[in-house]
Every structure is written in structure tokens, then in C-alpha cells.
Amino acid sequence: MKRTAIAIKEQDNVATAIKDLAAGTEVTVGINEKTILIRVTEDIAYGHKFALRTITKGESVLKYNCGIGRTTRDIEPGRHVHVHNMESLRGRGDLA
């Protein structure tokens, strides 16, 4: 099966598109040696992230099993994860 998105760690709750993905497309996500199928519910640009499972408001967004941000609203599986529904926790001088 040709992979169209990747997640690095099994704990990740997002995957990264390795090509442009159209809304409604069933995507093959590679996680190490395993693959899973998920339908994206909106267009996902190459290099962008989408949710692998429901991520609730205030939950950490995990990529490489590392928190890269926090959701600002609930995000359903297959939805785009970006600045419109998460805030970065890296490189911010306003967080103590």
C-alpha cells in the first residue's frame, strides 16, 4: 500500500500529508511498519497535519510523541490541524 501520510510514533495524534490530499480521500498513514486508513474531511496541503483521532479542546497535539501545541477547539479525525484550531507552545515568550 502506498503511503500518503506519515506519523512517526504510535502515540502521535496527528499525521503529516506527504502529498496534497483532497477532502473525502481515504488516506494510507504509515506509522513505523504499520499502516492505518483514515478519511480526510477537508483538503490537506502537502506538509500539513490532520487529526488521527478526536483531539479535545486544550489537549496536546502530539507529533514525534512530543507536544507541539495545544488545541483551541475539538478536532475530529481527518480534520486539518493548523493555526486555526491549535496554538503553538514553542518559542513563545508569553508563556512562563
N, C-alpha and C. Protein backbone atom coordinates (compact mmCIF):
# COMPACT_ATOMS: atom_id res chain seq x y z
N MET A 1 0.83 -1.17 0.00
CA MET A 1 0.00 0.00 0.00
C MET A 1 0.88 1.25 0.00
N LYS A 2 0.65 2.16 -0.92
CA LYS A 2 1.42 3.38 -0.98
C LYS A 2 0.94 4.36 0.09
N ARG A 3 1.87 4.82 0.90
CA ARG A 3 1.54 5.76 1.99
C ARG A 3 1.38 7.17 1.44
N THR A 4 0.37 7.87 1.94
CA THR A 4 0.13 9.25 1.52
C THR A 4 0.26 10.22 2.69
N ALA A 5 0.54 9.68 3.87
CA ALA A 5 0.78 10.49 5.07
C ALA A 5 1.60 9.66 6.04
N ILE A 6 2.28 10.34 6.96
CA ILE A 6 3.09 9.62 7.94
C ILE A 6 2.87 10.18 9.34
N ALA A 7 3.01 9.30 10.31
CA ALA A 7 3.11 9.65 11.73
C ALA A 7 4.35 8.91 12.21
N ILE A 8 5.11 9.50 13.07
CA ILE A 8 6.39 8.91 13.47
C ILE A 8 6.24 7.93 14.63
N LYS A 9 5.45 8.29 15.61
CA LYS A 9 5.28 7.45 16.81
C LYS A 9 3.82 7.01 16.92
N GLU A 10 3.60 5.85 17.49
CA GLU A 10 2.23 5.34 17.65
C GLU A 10 1.40 6.24 18.57
N GLN A 11 2.04 7.00 19.45
CA GLN A 11 1.33 7.89 20.36
C GLN A 11 0.86 9.17 19.67
N ASP A 12 1.38 9.47 18.48
CA ASP A 12 1.02 10.71 17.77
C ASP A 12 -0.48 10.76 17.52
N ASN A 13 -1.06 11.95 17.66
CA ASN A 13 -2.48 12.10 17.35
C ASN A 13 -2.70 12.89 16.06
N VAL A 14 -1.60 13.21 15.36
CA VAL A 14 -1.66 13.82 14.04
C VAL A 14 -0.73 13.08 13.09
N ALA A 15 -1.06 13.19 11.81
CA ALA A 15 -0.19 12.68 10.74
C ALA A 15 0.11 13.84 9.81
N THR A 16 1.18 13.71 9.04
CA THR A 16 1.59 14.74 8.09
C THR A 16 1.38 14.24 6.67
N ALA A 17 0.72 15.04 5.86
CA ALA A 17 0.48 14.68 4.46
C ALA A 17 1.79 14.74 3.68
N ILE A 18 2.07 13.71 2.89
CA ILE A 18 3.28 13.72 2.06
C ILE A 18 2.93 13.99 0.59
N LYS A 19 1.69 14.42 0.38
CA LYS A 19 1.22 14.94 -0.91
C LYS A 19 -0.07 15.69 -0.62
N ASP A 20 -0.52 16.51 -1.55
CA ASP A 20 -1.80 17.18 -1.36
C ASP A 20 -2.91 16.14 -1.28
N LEU A 21 -3.83 16.31 -0.34
CA LEU A 21 -4.93 15.37 -0.13
C LEU A 21 -6.26 16.10 -0.28
N ALA A 22 -7.14 15.55 -1.09
CA ALA A 22 -8.46 16.15 -1.31
C ALA A 22 -9.45 15.67 -0.26
N ALA A 23 -10.36 16.54 0.12
CA ALA A 23 -11.42 16.19 1.07
C ALA A 23 -12.15 14.94 0.59
N GLY A 24 -12.42 14.02 1.51
CA GLY A 24 -13.12 12.78 1.19
C GLY A 24 -12.21 11.63 0.79
N THR A 25 -10.92 11.91 0.62
CA THR A 25 -9.96 10.88 0.22
C THR A 25 -9.65 9.95 1.39
N GLU A 26 -9.60 8.66 1.12
CA GLU A 26 -9.12 7.70 2.12
C GLU A 26 -7.60 7.69 2.03
N VAL A 27 -6.96 7.99 3.14
CA VAL A 27 -5.51 8.18 3.21
C VAL A 27 -4.86 6.99 3.89
N THR A 28 -3.74 6.55 3.35
CA THR A 28 -2.94 5.49 3.96
C THR A 28 -1.84 6.15 4.78
N VAL A 29 -1.92 5.99 6.10
CA VAL A 29 -0.96 6.60 7.02
C VAL A 29 0.03 5.55 7.47
N GLY A 30 1.31 5.83 7.27
CA GLY A 30 2.35 4.94 7.76
C GLY A 30 2.82 5.37 9.13
N ILE A 31 2.82 4.40 10.05
CA ILE A 31 3.34 4.62 11.40
C ILE A 31 4.33 3.50 11.65
N ASN A 32 5.62 3.82 11.50
CA ASN A 32 6.66 2.79 11.53
C ASN A 32 6.36 1.74 10.47
N GLU A 33 6.26 0.49 10.84
CA GLU A 33 6.00 -0.58 9.88
C GLU A 33 4.52 -0.82 9.63
N LYS A 34 3.67 -0.17 10.39
CA LYS A 34 2.23 -0.40 10.28
C LYS A 34 1.58 0.70 9.45
N THR A 35 0.42 0.40 8.90
CA THR A 35 -0.36 1.41 8.19
C THR A 35 -1.80 1.39 8.71
N ILE A 36 -2.42 2.57 8.69
CA ILE A 36 -3.83 2.69 9.02
C ILE A 36 -4.50 3.50 7.92
N LEU A 37 -5.80 3.35 7.78
CA LEU A 37 -6.58 4.12 6.81
C LEU A 37 -7.44 5.12 7.55
N ILE A 38 -7.50 6.35 7.03
CA ILE A 38 -8.35 7.38 7.60
C ILE A 38 -8.85 8.26 6.46
N ARG A 39 -10.09 8.68 6.54
CA ARG A 39 -10.66 9.56 5.52
C ARG A 39 -10.50 11.01 5.97
N VAL A 40 -9.82 11.84 5.14
CA VAL A 40 -9.70 13.25 5.48
C VAL A 40 -11.00 13.95 5.11
N THR A 41 -11.43 14.87 5.94
CA THR A 41 -12.73 15.51 5.76
C THR A 41 -12.64 16.90 5.14
N GLU A 42 -11.42 17.35 4.90
CA GLU A 42 -11.20 18.61 4.21
C GLU A 42 -9.87 18.53 3.47
N ASP A 43 -9.63 19.44 2.55
CA ASP A 43 -8.37 19.43 1.82
C ASP A 43 -7.21 19.62 2.79
N ILE A 44 -6.16 18.83 2.60
CA ILE A 44 -4.96 18.92 3.42
C ILE A 44 -3.78 19.13 2.46
N ALA A 45 -3.08 20.24 2.61
CA ALA A 45 -1.94 20.53 1.75
C ALA A 45 -0.72 19.69 2.14
N TYR A 46 0.13 19.43 1.17
CA TYR A 46 1.40 18.74 1.40
C TYR A 46 2.12 19.38 2.59
N GLY A 47 2.59 18.55 3.53
CA GLY A 47 3.33 19.04 4.68
C GLY A 47 2.47 19.46 5.86
N HIS A 48 1.16 19.50 5.66
CA HIS A 48 0.27 19.90 6.75
C HIS A 48 -0.21 18.68 7.53
N LYS A 49 -0.74 18.94 8.73
CA LYS A 49 -1.16 17.88 9.64
C LYS A 49 -2.67 17.71 9.63
N PHE A 50 -3.10 16.50 9.96
CA PHE A 50 -4.51 16.22 10.18
C PHE A 50 -4.64 15.26 11.36
N ALA A 51 -5.80 15.31 12.00
CA ALA A 51 -6.04 14.52 13.22
C ALA A 51 -6.25 13.04 12.87
N LEU A 52 -5.63 12.18 13.66
CA LEU A 52 -5.81 10.73 13.51
C LEU A 52 -6.95 10.22 14.38
N ARG A 53 -7.30 10.98 15.40
CA ARG A 53 -8.40 10.65 16.30
C ARG A 53 -8.96 11.96 16.82
N THR A 54 -10.03 11.91 17.55
CA THR A 54 -10.56 13.14 18.14
C THR A 54 -9.54 13.70 19.14
N ILE A 55 -9.25 14.98 18.98
CA ILE A 55 -8.36 15.68 19.90
C ILE A 55 -9.23 16.76 20.55
N THR A 56 -9.41 16.68 21.84
CA THR A 56 -10.33 17.60 22.51
C THR A 56 -9.67 18.94 22.81
N LYS A 57 -10.50 19.96 22.97
CA LYS A 57 -10.03 21.31 23.26
C LYS A 57 -9.10 21.29 24.47
N GLY A 58 -7.94 21.92 24.33
CA GLY A 58 -6.97 22.01 25.42
C GLY A 58 -5.99 20.86 25.47
N GLU A 59 -6.18 19.84 24.63
CA GLU A 59 -5.29 18.68 24.61
C GLU A 59 -4.03 18.99 23.81
N SER A 60 -2.93 18.33 24.14
CA SER A 60 -1.68 18.49 23.41
C SER A 60 -1.79 17.85 22.03
N VAL A 61 -1.23 18.53 21.05
CA VAL A 61 -1.08 17.97 19.71
C VAL A 61 0.27 17.26 19.71
N LEU A 62 0.26 15.95 19.45
CA LEU A 62 1.48 15.15 19.53
C LEU A 62 1.99 14.78 18.15
N LYS A 63 3.23 15.19 17.88
CA LYS A 63 3.95 14.82 16.67
C LYS A 63 5.32 14.37 17.15
N TYR A 64 5.80 13.23 16.70
CA TYR A 64 7.03 12.61 17.21
C TYR A 64 6.89 12.27 18.69
N ASN A 65 5.64 12.05 19.15
CA ASN A 65 5.31 11.83 20.57
C ASN A 65 5.80 13.00 21.43
N CYS A 66 5.77 14.19 20.84
CA CYS A 66 6.20 15.40 21.53
C CYS A 66 5.11 16.45 21.34
N GLY A 67 4.74 17.13 22.40
CA GLY A 67 3.73 18.17 22.31
C GLY A 67 4.23 19.35 21.49
N ILE A 68 3.56 19.65 20.38
CA ILE A 68 3.96 20.78 19.54
C ILE A 68 2.98 21.94 19.66
N GLY A 69 1.88 21.71 20.35
CA GLY A 69 0.87 22.75 20.50
C GLY A 69 -0.28 22.25 21.34
N ARG A 70 -1.29 23.12 21.45
CA ARG A 70 -2.48 22.79 22.23
C ARG A 70 -3.69 23.19 21.40
N THR A 71 -4.71 22.34 21.39
CA THR A 71 -5.89 22.63 20.59
C THR A 71 -6.71 23.76 21.23
N THR A 72 -7.31 24.56 20.37
CA THR A 72 -8.16 25.65 20.84
C THR A 72 -9.64 25.30 20.68
N ARG A 73 -9.90 24.12 20.10
CA ARG A 73 -11.27 23.59 19.95
C ARG A 73 -11.15 22.09 19.71
N ASP A 74 -12.25 21.38 19.81
CA ASP A 74 -12.23 19.95 19.49
C ASP A 74 -11.93 19.78 18.00
N ILE A 75 -11.13 18.75 17.69
CA ILE A 75 -10.78 18.46 16.30
C ILE A 75 -11.12 16.99 16.04
N GLU A 76 -11.96 16.76 15.07
CA GLU A 76 -12.39 15.40 14.73
C GLU A 76 -11.37 14.72 13.82
N PRO A 77 -11.37 13.39 13.78
CA PRO A 77 -10.45 12.66 12.90
C PRO A 77 -10.60 13.11 11.45
N GLY A 78 -9.46 13.26 10.77
CA GLY A 78 -9.46 13.65 9.36
C GLY A 78 -9.49 15.14 9.12
N ARG A 79 -9.60 15.94 10.19
CA ARG A 79 -9.65 17.40 10.05
C ARG A 79 -8.24 17.99 10.05
N HIS A 80 -8.08 19.08 9.34
CA HIS A 80 -6.82 19.82 9.26
C HIS A 80 -6.47 20.34 10.65
N VAL A 81 -5.21 20.21 11.04
CA VAL A 81 -4.72 20.74 12.32
C VAL A 81 -3.69 21.81 11.98
N HIS A 82 -4.01 23.05 12.32
CA HIS A 82 -3.14 24.17 11.96
C HIS A 82 -3.48 25.35 12.88
N VAL A 83 -3.03 26.54 12.55
CA VAL A 83 -3.18 27.70 13.43
C VAL A 83 -4.64 28.08 13.69
N HIS A 84 -5.57 27.62 12.90
CA HIS A 84 -6.98 27.96 13.11
C HIS A 84 -7.63 27.15 14.23
N ASN A 85 -6.97 26.05 14.65
CA ASN A 85 -7.56 25.23 15.71
C ASN A 85 -6.53 24.72 16.73
N MET A 86 -5.32 25.28 16.68
CA MET A 86 -4.31 24.96 17.69
C MET A 86 -3.41 26.17 17.88
N GLU A 87 -2.78 26.22 19.05
CA GLU A 87 -1.79 27.27 19.29
C GLU A 87 -0.46 26.61 19.60
N SER A 88 0.60 27.22 19.11
CA SER A 88 1.93 26.68 19.34
C SER A 88 2.33 26.89 20.79
N LEU A 89 3.13 25.98 21.29
CA LEU A 89 3.68 26.11 22.63
C LEU A 89 5.19 26.29 22.58
N ARG A 90 5.73 26.42 21.37
CA ARG A 90 7.18 26.52 21.20
C ARG A 90 7.59 27.95 20.85
N GLY A 91 8.70 28.38 21.41
CA GLY A 91 9.28 29.67 21.08
C GLY A 91 8.42 30.86 21.48
N ARG A 92 7.59 30.69 22.49
CA ARG A 92 6.69 31.77 22.92
C ARG A 92 7.22 32.40 24.20
N GLY A 93 7.45 33.69 24.15
CA GLY A 93 7.91 34.41 25.33
C GLY A 93 6.80 34.75 26.29
N ASP A 94 5.54 34.57 25.84
CA ASP A 94 4.42 34.94 26.72
C ASP A 94 3.99 33.83 27.66
N LEU A 95 4.57 32.64 27.51
CA LEU A 95 4.23 31.53 28.39
C LEU A 95 5.36 31.32 29.39
N ALA A 96 5.03 31.31 30.66
CA ALA A 96 6.05 31.13 31.70
C ALA A 96 6.27 29.67 31.97
